[in-house]
Amino acid sequence: MKSQIIEMKECLIRDREMIFNLGLPAFCFSFIFWVMPIADTFQFDSDEGQEMVKALLYSQGFALYGEIWSDQPPLFTFLLSHWLNVFDFLGDSIFAARLLVLCFSTLLLWSFSQILRLNLGMIPAIVGTILLIFSLNFMRLSVSIMIGLPSLSLAMLSIYLLFLFCEKNQYFYLTMLSGMAFALSLQLKMYTIFLFPLILFYWWERHKEKAPRKKYWRFLPAIIWCLSVLGTFAIAGFLLGALDLQNFFQFHLTNNVKDAFPNQNSFHDITIMYLQDLDYGLLAILGTRTIWKYRDTLAKFPLMWLILATGILLNHKPIWYHHYLLLSIPLTWLATYGIVVAMEELKKMGWFAAWKNRKLRDIFKLRYAAIALIFSGLVLPVKLSFLVLQNQQFFQESRDRQEVLQQLVQYRDSTHWIFTDIPMYAAHAGLNVPPEIATLSRKRIASQEISDDFLKSLFAKYSPEQCLIEKLPELEPPLDAYFGRDYNKISYKYKHYRAIHYIRNDL
C-alpha cells in the first residue's frame, strides 16, 4: 500500500513537471501570438527591416561583412536566412521571421521560469513569468525581428543550465552546454558580455561554499565553462567569418556616436523606464531586503545583474526602449521574490495582531506588502490597455504605409535596387537594397561611416530605380543633384511622419 502511495505521488510530481515544462511555454507562445498583431503590422521597429534585408541579401549569396555592411555578430543573419528558406511555404517571410523571434522569446520565458522554480517553487515561477510577459514592451519585442531578445534568451538558458548544475552538483555536461549557449548569445548580440564577469563571480562564490577544501574541484567547472564559451565563440566566428571583434565594439563605443545624441539624458531615460514598471520596483524592494539576508548567491544574482546593467546604461548613449530588457528581467526576478516575501508576511502576521502588540515596524511591513500587491494587481489591466492602444497605433501606421508600399510594388518588375532608410519597405515589396546600406542608421551617419561622398558613389554604382526617404531627411541634400535630374518625386504626408518617393525617369 505504501509503495502504491509513493508511486502515485511520484506520478503526480512528474505530471506537474510535464505540465510546467510544456504547458507554460505553450501558453506563453499562444498568448503573445494571440495578443500581438504579427501578421498585420508593417513594422514594430525600423530595425526589423535591417535584419530582414541582411538575411535576404545573405540568402542570395552576398557576403556578410564583405559586401553586406553590419555592425552586429553574424549568427542571427545566418539563422534567419536559413529559417526563411525552410519556411518559405508560409508565403510571408516577415511573418515567418517574427515566429522565429517568438520562439526565442518562449525559450527565454521557459528558462526564466525554470530559474525561479529552482529557488522559489512552481507557483512563484508561474507568477514571475506572467509578470515578465507584461513588463514594459516585452510582448512587442517578442515579435520584433531584432537581435536583443534572442541574445538574452540564450543567455538566460546558459544561466539556467549553470544554476541547474550547481543545484545538482553533478553532470558536467551542463557546464559545457551552458558555456555553448552563452557563446551563441554573444554571436547574436555582444551586449550580453557584461554577464560574463557576473557568472564568473557566481562560480567563485558558489563553489567556495560547496567545496572549500578541494580548491581544484572549485575551479574545475568554471574552467570548463570558460573553455566552452571561448571554444564555441571561436568556432562559430570562424565558420561564419566573424572573428574580428573590432566591428562590434569600436563602432558602438566611439565618441562620435555618443556626440550625435547631445539631447539624450541616459539618467532621465532609465528613470522613465523604471517608473513605467513602478509596481515591479515596489515589489523588488521587498525582495531585495530579504535577499540581503540570504547566503545563497543564486538569490543575489538578479540584484547584482540589475545594479551592473543600470550602471552600464547610465554611461551609454543612445538608450533605446529595447535596452530595457537588460533591466526588466532582473527587476521582474526581484519582484517575484518580493511577492513571495509579501505573501509570507501577510500569512505570518495579521493586521489585528500587529496593532494589538503595537509593533509599528510590523504594521509598516504588512501595510507595505499589502499596498505593493494590490498596486501590482491594479496596474496589470492598465498595462494591457496600453498594449491594446499601442497595437491600434501599429494598425494605423500600417494602413498609412500600404499606400506607399503599393507604389513601390507597382514598379517592382523593373526595379533592381531601391535606396531607402526604411528597409522594411524593401522586405515587404520583395526588392533589394544595396548591401552597403543594409544597415542605414543615424549611428552610421554620426560615426561618419556614411558621408556625402559615400552616398554619391553609391548612386553612381547602383543607380537605384526607386528611392524612399522617411526617417533620415538629412540624406536628401547630398543627393539633390541626382534627384532633380534623374527622378520624379512623390510626397506622402501622414499624421506622424512624411515619406518622399523618388522614381527614376526611365521607368
Foldseek 3Di string as FASTA:
>chain_A
DVVVVVVVVVVVVVVVVVCLLPVLLVCQLVVLVVQFPQPQFLALDLVLLLLLQLLVVVLVPDADPVFFDDLFFCPLSVVLNVQCVVVVVVVASSSSLLSVLLVLLSLQLSLQLLLCCVPPNNVLSSVLSVLLCLAPCSSVSSRHNAQPSSLVSLLSQLVSLVVVCLVVVDDLVSLLSSLLSNLVSCSSGVPVVLCVVLVVVLLQLSLCVVPVPDVCSSCVSVVSNVCSNVVNNVVVCVVSVHPDCCSNPVLQPDVLLVVLCVPAQLVVVVVVSCVSVVLLVLLLVQLVVVLVVDSNVSSCSLVVQQVSLSVVSNVGPDDDPVSCVSNSSSSSVSSSSSLVSLVCLCVVDPCVRCVVVVVVVSNVSNVSSVVSVVVVVVCSVVSSVVSVVVSVVSNVVSVQCVVVLVVCLVCQVVWAEEAEQSSSSCSVSVHHHRSHVSPPDVSCVSVVVDDLVNVVVVCVVRVTQKYKYKPCPVNCPSCVVVQVPFWDWDKADDDPTIMIMTGGPVD
